[in-house]
Amino acid sequence: MARMSPQAVPIRDDMIRLGQFLKLAGLADTGNEARDLVADGEVRVNGQVETRRGRQLGRGDVVSVASPQGERSAVVA
């Protein structure tokens, strides 16, 4: 199955925290879900597992979340 390209999600400022971006991009429904995904090692930033919910993201960073339905990704725009 072909991998879809990440969805571009615009942000207002130059930086955004990972937990906030997960919710903004629709990769997590709530802050609690975002926290759990990060704590469980289900989130990758630019291909590397990220366990810091407060990690600062900038434009061009790619965030991927593993789920039972497959991997979903978004890019900070």
PDB file of N, CA and C in Angstrom:
ATOM      1  N   MET A   1       0.831  -1.164   0.000  1.00  0.00           N
ATOM      2  CA  MET A   1       0.000   0.000   0.000  1.00  0.00           C
ATOM      3  C   MET A   1       0.887   1.243   0.000  1.00  0.00           C
ATOM      4  N   ALA A   2       0.539   2.223  -0.827  1.00  0.00           N
ATOM      5  CA  ALA A   2       1.339   3.434  -0.953  1.00  0.00           C
ATOM      6  C   ALA A   2       1.170   4.305   0.290  1.00  0.00           C
ATOM      7  N   ARG A   3       2.224   4.897   0.729  1.00  0.00           N
ATOM      8  CA  ARG A   3       2.196   5.783   1.888  1.00  0.00           C
ATOM      9  C   ARG A   3       1.763   7.168   1.427  1.00  0.00           C
ATOM     10  N   MET A   4       0.801   7.744   2.127  1.00  0.00           N
ATOM     11  CA  MET A   4       0.329   9.077   1.784  1.00  0.00           C
ATOM     12  C   MET A   4       1.312  10.114   2.306  1.00  0.00           C
ATOM     13  N   SER A   5       1.422  11.253   1.588  1.00  0.00           N
ATOM     14  CA  SER A   5       2.301  12.311   2.057  1.00  0.00           C
ATOM     15  C   SER A   5       1.649  13.000   3.257  1.00  0.00           C
ATOM     16  N   PRO A   6       2.469  13.550   4.142  1.00  0.00           N
ATOM     17  CA  PRO A   6       1.928  14.165   5.352  1.00  0.00           C
ATOM     18  C   PRO A   6       1.051  15.377   5.022  1.00  0.00           C
ATOM     19  N   GLN A   7       0.031  15.568   5.816  1.00  0.00           N
ATOM     20  CA  GLN A   7      -0.847  16.718   5.690  1.00  0.00           C
ATOM     21  C   GLN A   7      -0.121  17.944   6.237  1.00  0.00           C
ATOM     22  N   ALA A   8      -0.150  19.075   5.517  1.00  0.00           N
ATOM     23  CA  ALA A   8       0.464  20.316   5.990  1.00  0.00           C
ATOM     24  C   ALA A   8      -0.508  21.020   6.929  1.00  0.00           C
ATOM     25  N   VAL A   9      -0.041  21.353   8.127  1.00  0.00           N
ATOM     26  CA  VAL A   9      -0.869  22.013   9.136  1.00  0.00           C
ATOM     27  C   VAL A   9      -0.209  23.344   9.491  1.00  0.00           C
ATOM     28  N   PRO A  10      -0.837  24.464   9.094  1.00  0.00           N
ATOM     29  CA  PRO A  10      -0.240  25.772   9.392  1.00  0.00           C
ATOM     30  C   PRO A  10      -0.323  26.123  10.874  1.00  0.00           C
ATOM     31  N   ILE A  11       0.706  26.828  11.346  1.00  0.00           N
ATOM     32  CA  ILE A  11       0.720  27.320  12.724  1.00  0.00           C
ATOM     33  C   ILE A  11       0.818  28.841  12.685  1.00  0.00           C
ATOM     34  N   ARG A  12       0.367  29.506  13.763  1.00  0.00           N
ATOM     35  CA  ARG A  12       0.372  30.977  13.816  1.00  0.00           C
ATOM     36  C   ARG A  12       1.758  31.536  14.090  1.00  0.00           C
ATOM     37  N   ASP A  13       2.462  30.943  15.042  1.00  0.00           N
ATOM     38  CA  ASP A  13       3.762  31.463  15.462  1.00  0.00           C
ATOM     39  C   ASP A  13       4.880  30.673  14.795  1.00  0.00           C
ATOM     40  N   ASP A  14       6.119  30.990  15.149  1.00  0.00           N
ATOM     41  CA  ASP A  14       7.259  30.281  14.554  1.00  0.00           C
ATOM     42  C   ASP A  14       7.437  28.889  15.133  1.00  0.00           C
ATOM     43  N   MET A  15       6.983  28.676  16.372  1.00  0.00           N
ATOM     44  CA  MET A  15       7.162  27.399  17.058  1.00  0.00           C
ATOM     45  C   MET A  15       5.838  26.981  17.689  1.00  0.00           C
ATOM     46  N   ILE A  16       5.724  25.660  17.927  1.00  0.00           N
ATOM     47  CA  ILE A  16       4.563  25.101  18.620  1.00  0.00           C
ATOM     48  C   ILE A  16       5.031  23.872  19.392  1.00  0.00           C
ATOM     49  N   ARG A  17       4.429  23.622  20.540  1.00  0.00           N
ATOM     50  CA  ARG A  17       4.789  22.440  21.331  1.00  0.00           C
ATOM     51  C   ARG A  17       4.163  21.202  20.710  1.00  0.00           C
ATOM     52  N   LEU A  18       4.848  20.081  20.866  1.00  0.00           N
ATOM     53  CA  LEU A  18       4.401  18.826  20.274  1.00  0.00           C
ATOM     54  C   LEU A  18       2.978  18.466  20.698  1.00  0.00           C
ATOM     55  N   GLY A  19       2.670  18.547  21.994  1.00  0.00           N
ATOM     56  CA  GLY A  19       1.332  18.203  22.466  1.00  0.00           C
ATOM     57  C   GLY A  19       0.261  19.056  21.813  1.00  0.00           C
ATOM     58  N   GLN A  20       0.530  20.351  21.658  1.00  0.00           N
ATOM     59  CA  GLN A  20      -0.425  21.246  21.017  1.00  0.00           C
ATOM     60  C   GLN A  20      -0.587  20.889  19.538  1.00  0.00           C
ATOM     61  N   PHE A  21       0.520  20.577  18.882  1.00  0.00           N
ATOM     62  CA  PHE A  21       0.461  20.257  17.455  1.00  0.00           C
ATOM     63  C   PHE A  21      -0.302  18.968  17.204  1.00  0.00           C
ATOM     64  N   LEU A  22      -0.139  17.985  18.077  1.00  0.00           N
ATOM     65  CA  LEU A  22      -0.875  16.730  17.911  1.00  0.00           C
ATOM     66  C   LEU A  22      -2.376  16.992  17.877  1.00  0.00           C
ATOM     67  N   LYS A  23      -2.853  17.867  18.745  1.00  0.00           N
ATOM     68  CA  LYS A  23      -4.280  18.204  18.765  1.00  0.00           C
ATOM     69  C   LYS A  23      -4.664  19.044  17.549  1.00  0.00           C
ATOM     70  N   LEU A  24      -3.868  20.048  17.221  1.00  0.00           N
ATOM     71  CA  LEU A  24      -4.150  20.925  16.083  1.00  0.00           C
ATOM     72  C   LEU A  24      -4.240  20.143  14.778  1.00  0.00           C
ATOM     73  N   ALA A  25      -3.343  19.167  14.609  1.00  0.00           N
ATOM     74  CA  ALA A  25      -3.291  18.379  13.378  1.00  0.00           C
ATOM     75  C   ALA A  25      -4.319  17.256  13.350  1.00  0.00           C
ATOM     76  N   GLY A  26      -5.033  17.061  14.454  1.00  0.00           N
ATOM     77  CA  GLY A  26      -6.017  15.984  14.512  1.00  0.00           C
ATOM     78  C   GLY A  26      -5.398  14.614  14.715  1.00  0.00           C
ATOM     79  N   LEU A  27      -4.139  14.581  15.148  1.00  0.00           N
ATOM     80  CA  LEU A  27      -3.465  13.306  15.416  1.00  0.00           C
ATOM     81  C   LEU A  27      -3.813  12.793  16.812  1.00  0.00           C
ATOM     82  N   ALA A  28      -4.343  13.690  17.659  1.00  0.00           N
ATOM     83  CA  ALA A  28      -4.848  13.331  18.990  1.00  0.00           C
ATOM     84  C   ALA A  28      -6.113  14.153  19.223  1.00  0.00           C
ATOM     85  N   ASP A  29      -7.106  13.547  19.847  1.00  0.00           N
ATOM     86  CA  ASP A  29      -8.372  14.242  20.086  1.00  0.00           C
ATOM     87  C   ASP A  29      -8.329  15.151  21.310  1.00  0.00           C
ATOM     88  N   THR A  30      -7.533  14.769  22.297  1.00  0.00           N
ATOM     89  CA  THR A  30      -7.473  15.527  23.549  1.00  0.00           C
ATOM     90  C   THR A  30      -6.028  15.666  24.007  1.00  0.00           C
ATOM     91  N   GLY A  31      -5.834  16.555  24.980  1.00  0.00           N
ATOM     92  CA  GLY A  31      -4.511  16.693  25.569  1.00  0.00           C
ATOM     93  C   GLY A  31      -4.073  15.421  26.268  1.00  0.00           C
ATOM     94  N   ASN A  32      -5.018  14.732  26.908  1.00  0.00           N
ATOM     95  CA  ASN A  32      -4.692  13.474  27.584  1.00  0.00           C
ATOM     96  C   ASN A  32      -4.243  12.421  26.575  1.00  0.00           C
ATOM     97  N   GLU A  33      -4.933  12.352  25.435  1.00  0.00           N
ATOM     98  CA  GLU A  33      -4.534  11.387  24.417  1.00  0.00           C
ATOM     99  C   GLU A  33      -3.147  11.726  23.870  1.00  0.00           C
ATOM    100  N   ALA A  34      -2.884  13.011  23.655  1.00  0.00           N
ATOM    101  CA  ALA A  34      -1.565  13.435  23.177  1.00  0.00           C
ATOM    102  C   ALA A  34      -0.483  13.027  24.172  1.00  0.00           C
ATOM    103  N   ARG A  35      -0.743  13.278  25.462  1.00  0.00           N
ATOM    104  CA  ARG A  35       0.215  12.910  26.513  1.00  0.00           C
ATOM    105  C   ARG A  35       0.496  11.414  26.495  1.00  0.00           C
ATOM    106  N   ASP A  36      -0.572  10.612  26.391  1.00  0.00           N
ATOM    107  CA  ASP A  36      -0.412   9.158  26.403  1.00  0.00           C
ATOM    108  C   ASP A  36       0.351   8.663  25.175  1.00  0.00           C
ATOM    109  N   LEU A  37       0.045   9.207  24.008  1.00  0.00           N
ATOM    110  CA  LEU A  37       0.748   8.801  22.782  1.00  0.00           C
ATOM    111  C   LEU A  37       2.246   9.064  22.902  1.00  0.00           C
ATOM    112  N   VAL A  38       2.587  10.255  23.408  1.00  0.00           N
ATOM    113  CA  VAL A  38       4.004  10.614  23.562  1.00  0.00           C
ATOM    114  C   VAL A  38       4.657   9.720  24.608  1.00  0.00           C
ATOM    115  N   ALA A  39       4.002   9.540  25.751  1.00  0.00           N
ATOM    116  CA  ALA A  39       4.565   8.724  26.835  1.00  0.00           C
ATOM    117  C   ALA A  39       4.764   7.272  26.411  1.00  0.00           C
ATOM    118  N   ASP A  40       3.893   6.773  25.538  1.00  0.00           N
ATOM    119  CA  ASP A  40       3.973   5.383  25.084  1.00  0.00           C
ATOM    120  C   ASP A  40       4.943   5.185  23.923  1.00  0.00           C
ATOM    121  N   GLY A  41       5.616   6.259  23.482  1.00  0.00           N
ATOM    122  CA  GLY A  41       6.587   6.137  22.394  1.00  0.00           C
ATOM    123  C   GLY A  41       5.952   5.946  21.028  1.00  0.00           C
ATOM    124  N   GLU A  42       4.699   6.384  20.875  1.00  0.00           N
ATOM    125  CA  GLU A  42       3.975   6.216  19.614  1.00  0.00           C
ATOM    126  C   GLU A  42       4.179   7.387  18.659  1.00  0.00           C
ATOM    127  N   VAL A  43       4.911   8.422  19.096  1.00  0.00           N
ATOM    128  CA  VAL A  43       5.074   9.634  18.296  1.00  0.00           C
ATOM    129  C   VAL A  43       6.512   9.749  17.816  1.00  0.00           C
ATOM    130  N   ARG A  44       6.658  10.069  16.530  1.00  0.00           N
ATOM    131  CA  ARG A  44       7.974  10.328  15.944  1.00  0.00           C
ATOM    132  C   ARG A  44       8.005  11.747  15.399  1.00  0.00           C
ATOM    133  N   VAL A  45       9.143  12.405  15.595  1.00  0.00           N
ATOM    134  CA  VAL A  45       9.382  13.721  15.014  1.00  0.00           C
ATOM    135  C   VAL A  45      10.582  13.574  14.095  1.00  0.00           C
ATOM    136  N   ASN A  46      10.368  13.839  12.827  1.00  0.00           N
ATOM    137  CA  ASN A  46      11.420  13.693  11.816  1.00  0.00           C
ATOM    138  C   ASN A  46      12.059  12.301  11.877  1.00  0.00           C
ATOM    139  N   GLY A  47      11.218  11.292  12.113  1.00  0.00           N
ATOM    140  CA  GLY A  47      11.666   9.905  12.093  1.00  0.00           C
ATOM    141  C   GLY A  47      12.226   9.373  13.396  1.00  0.00           C
ATOM    142  N   GLN A  48      12.347  10.216  14.411  1.00  0.00           N
ATOM    143  CA  GLN A  48      12.904   9.801  15.700  1.00  0.00           C
ATOM    144  C   GLN A  48      11.816   9.788  16.768  1.00  0.00           C
ATOM    145  N   VAL A  49      11.779   8.730  17.581  1.00  0.00           N
ATOM    146  CA  VAL A  49      10.800   8.667  18.670  1.00  0.00           C
ATOM    147  C   VAL A  49      11.017   9.855  19.596  1.00  0.00           C
ATOM    148  N   GLU A  50       9.927  10.523  19.949  1.00  0.00           N
ATOM    149  CA  GLU A  50       9.990  11.688  20.836  1.00  0.00           C
ATOM    150  C   GLU A  50       9.123  11.438  22.059  1.00  0.00           C
ATOM    151  N   THR A  51       9.709  11.592  23.243  1.00  0.00           N
ATOM    152  CA  THR A  51       8.979  11.348  24.488  1.00  0.00           C
ATOM    153  C   THR A  51       8.764  12.631  25.286  1.00  0.00           C
ATOM    154  N   ARG A  52       9.069  13.773  24.704  1.00  0.00           N
ATOM    155  CA  ARG A  52       8.868  15.058  25.390  1.00  0.00           C
ATOM    156  C   ARG A  52       7.678  15.777  24.759  1.00  0.00           C
ATOM    157  N   ARG A  53       6.573  15.836  25.480  1.00  0.00           N
ATOM    158  CA  ARG A  53       5.367  16.484  24.960  1.00  0.00           C
ATOM    159  C   ARG A  53       5.597  17.970  24.716  1.00  0.00           C
ATOM    160  N   GLY A  54       6.514  18.575  25.464  1.00  0.00           N
ATOM    161  CA  GLY A  54       6.813  20.003  25.331  1.00  0.00           C
ATOM    162  C   GLY A  54       7.836  20.329  24.261  1.00  0.00           C
ATOM    163  N   ARG A  55       8.285  19.332  23.526  1.00  0.00           N
ATOM    164  CA  ARG A  55       9.271  19.556  22.459  1.00  0.00           C
ATOM    165  C   ARG A  55       8.777  20.659  21.517  1.00  0.00           C
ATOM    166  N   GLN A  56       9.651  21.597  21.214  1.00  0.00           N
ATOM    167  CA  GLN A  56       9.304  22.692  20.316  1.00  0.00           C
ATOM    168  C   GLN A  56       9.460  22.232  18.869  1.00  0.00           C
ATOM    169  N   LEU A  57       8.438  22.489  18.062  1.00  0.00           N
ATOM    170  CA  LEU A  57       8.453  22.157  16.647  1.00  0.00           C
ATOM    171  C   LEU A  57       8.476  23.437  15.834  1.00  0.00           C
ATOM    172  N   GLY A  58       9.168  23.377  14.707  1.00  0.00           N
ATOM    173  CA  GLY A  58       9.190  24.511  13.788  1.00  0.00           C
ATOM    174  C   GLY A  58       8.696  24.074  12.422  1.00  0.00           C
ATOM    175  N   ARG A  59       8.521  25.038  11.541  1.00  0.00           N
ATOM    176  CA  ARG A  59       8.040  24.735  10.197  1.00  0.00           C
ATOM    177  C   ARG A  59       8.953  23.713   9.514  1.00  0.00           C
ATOM    178  N   GLY A  60       8.335  22.737   8.876  1.00  0.00           N
ATOM    179  CA  GLY A  60       9.080  21.694   8.183  1.00  0.00           C
ATOM    180  C   GLY A  60       9.236  20.416   8.985  1.00  0.00           C
ATOM    181  N   ASP A  61       9.012  20.471  10.308  1.00  0.00           N
ATOM    182  CA  ASP A  61       9.092  19.254  11.118  1.00  0.00           C
ATOM    183  C   ASP A  61       7.934  18.324  10.762  1.00  0.00           C
ATOM    184  N   VAL A  62       8.226  17.036  10.664  1.00  0.00           N
ATOM    185  CA  VAL A  62       7.220  16.033  10.333  1.00  0.00           C
ATOM    186  C   VAL A  62       6.927  15.207  11.584  1.00  0.00           C
ATOM    187  N   VAL A  63       5.649  15.146  11.949  1.00  0.00           N
ATOM    188  CA  VAL A  63       5.203  14.407  13.134  1.00  0.00           C
ATOM    189  C   VAL A  63       4.376  13.220  12.667  1.00  0.00           C
ATOM    190  N   SER A  64       4.729  12.023  13.150  1.00  0.00           N
ATOM    191  CA  SER A  64       4.011  10.800  12.787  1.00  0.00           C
ATOM    192  C   SER A  64       3.534  10.109  14.051  1.00  0.00           C
ATOM    193  N   VAL A  65       2.335   9.516  13.955  1.00  0.00           N
ATOM    194  CA  VAL A  65       1.746   8.797  15.079  1.00  0.00           C
ATOM    195  C   VAL A  65       1.366   7.406  14.607  1.00  0.00           C
ATOM    196  N   ALA A  66       1.820   6.399  15.342  1.00  0.00           N
ATOM    197  CA  ALA A  66       1.454   5.015  15.034  1.00  0.00           C
ATOM    198  C   ALA A  66       0.077   4.745  15.630  1.00  0.00           C
ATOM    199  N   SER A  67      -0.775   4.096  14.852  1.00  0.00           N
ATOM    200  CA  SER A  67      -2.104   3.731  15.345  1.00  0.00           C
ATOM    201  C   SER A  67      -2.477   2.377  14.763  1.00  0.00           C
ATOM    202  N   PRO A  68      -3.499   1.734  15.324  1.00  0.00           N
ATOM    203  CA  PRO A  68      -3.923   0.432  14.779  1.00  0.00           C
ATOM    204  C   PRO A  68      -4.321   0.516  13.302  1.00  0.00           C
ATOM    205  N   GLN A  69      -4.784   1.687  12.858  1.00  0.00           N
ATOM    206  CA  GLN A  69      -5.190   1.853  11.465  1.00  0.00           C
ATOM    207  C   GLN A  69      -4.003   2.155  10.550  1.00  0.00           C
ATOM    208  N   GLY A  70      -2.828   2.329  11.127  1.00  0.00           N
ATOM    209  CA  GLY A  70      -1.633   2.656  10.356  1.00  0.00           C
ATOM    210  C   GLY A  70      -1.056   3.975  10.833  1.00  0.00           C
ATOM    211  N   GLU A  71       0.048   4.369  10.240  1.00  0.00           N
ATOM    212  CA  GLU A  71       0.718   5.596  10.643  1.00  0.00           C
ATOM    213  C   GLU A  71       0.049   6.805  10.007  1.00  0.00           C
ATOM    214  N   ARG A  72      -0.155   7.844  10.813  1.00  0.00           N
ATOM    215  CA  ARG A  72      -0.682   9.109  10.329  1.00  0.00           C
ATOM    216  C   ARG A  72       0.382  10.173  10.546  1.00  0.00           C
ATOM    217  N   SER A  73       0.531  11.087   9.580  1.00  0.00           N
ATOM    218  CA  SER A  73       1.581  12.093   9.672  1.00  0.00           C
ATOM    219  C   SER A  73       1.054  13.476   9.325  1.00  0.00           C
ATOM    220  N   ALA A  74       1.730  14.481   9.861  1.00  0.00           N
ATOM    221  CA  ALA A  74       1.443  15.882   9.542  1.00  0.00           C
ATOM    222  C   ALA A  74       2.756  16.636   9.572  1.00  0.00           C
ATOM    223  N   VAL A  75       2.840  17.674   8.743  1.00  0.00           N
ATOM    224  CA  VAL A  75       4.036  18.509   8.707  1.00  0.00           C
ATOM    225  C   VAL A  75       3.667  19.906   9.177  1.00  0.00           C
ATOM    226  N   VAL A  76       4.546  20.495   9.986  1.00  0.00           N
ATOM    227  CA  VAL A  76       4.330  21.848  10.490  1.00  0.00           C
ATOM    228  C   VAL A  76       4.549  22.817   9.330  1.00  0.00           C
ATOM    229  N   ALA A  77       3.538  23.634   9.052  1.00  0.00           N
ATOM    230  CA  ALA A  77       3.635  24.582   7.936  1.00  0.00           C
ATOM    231  C   ALA A  77       3.469  26.007   8.431  1.00  0.00           C
TER     232      ALA A  77
END
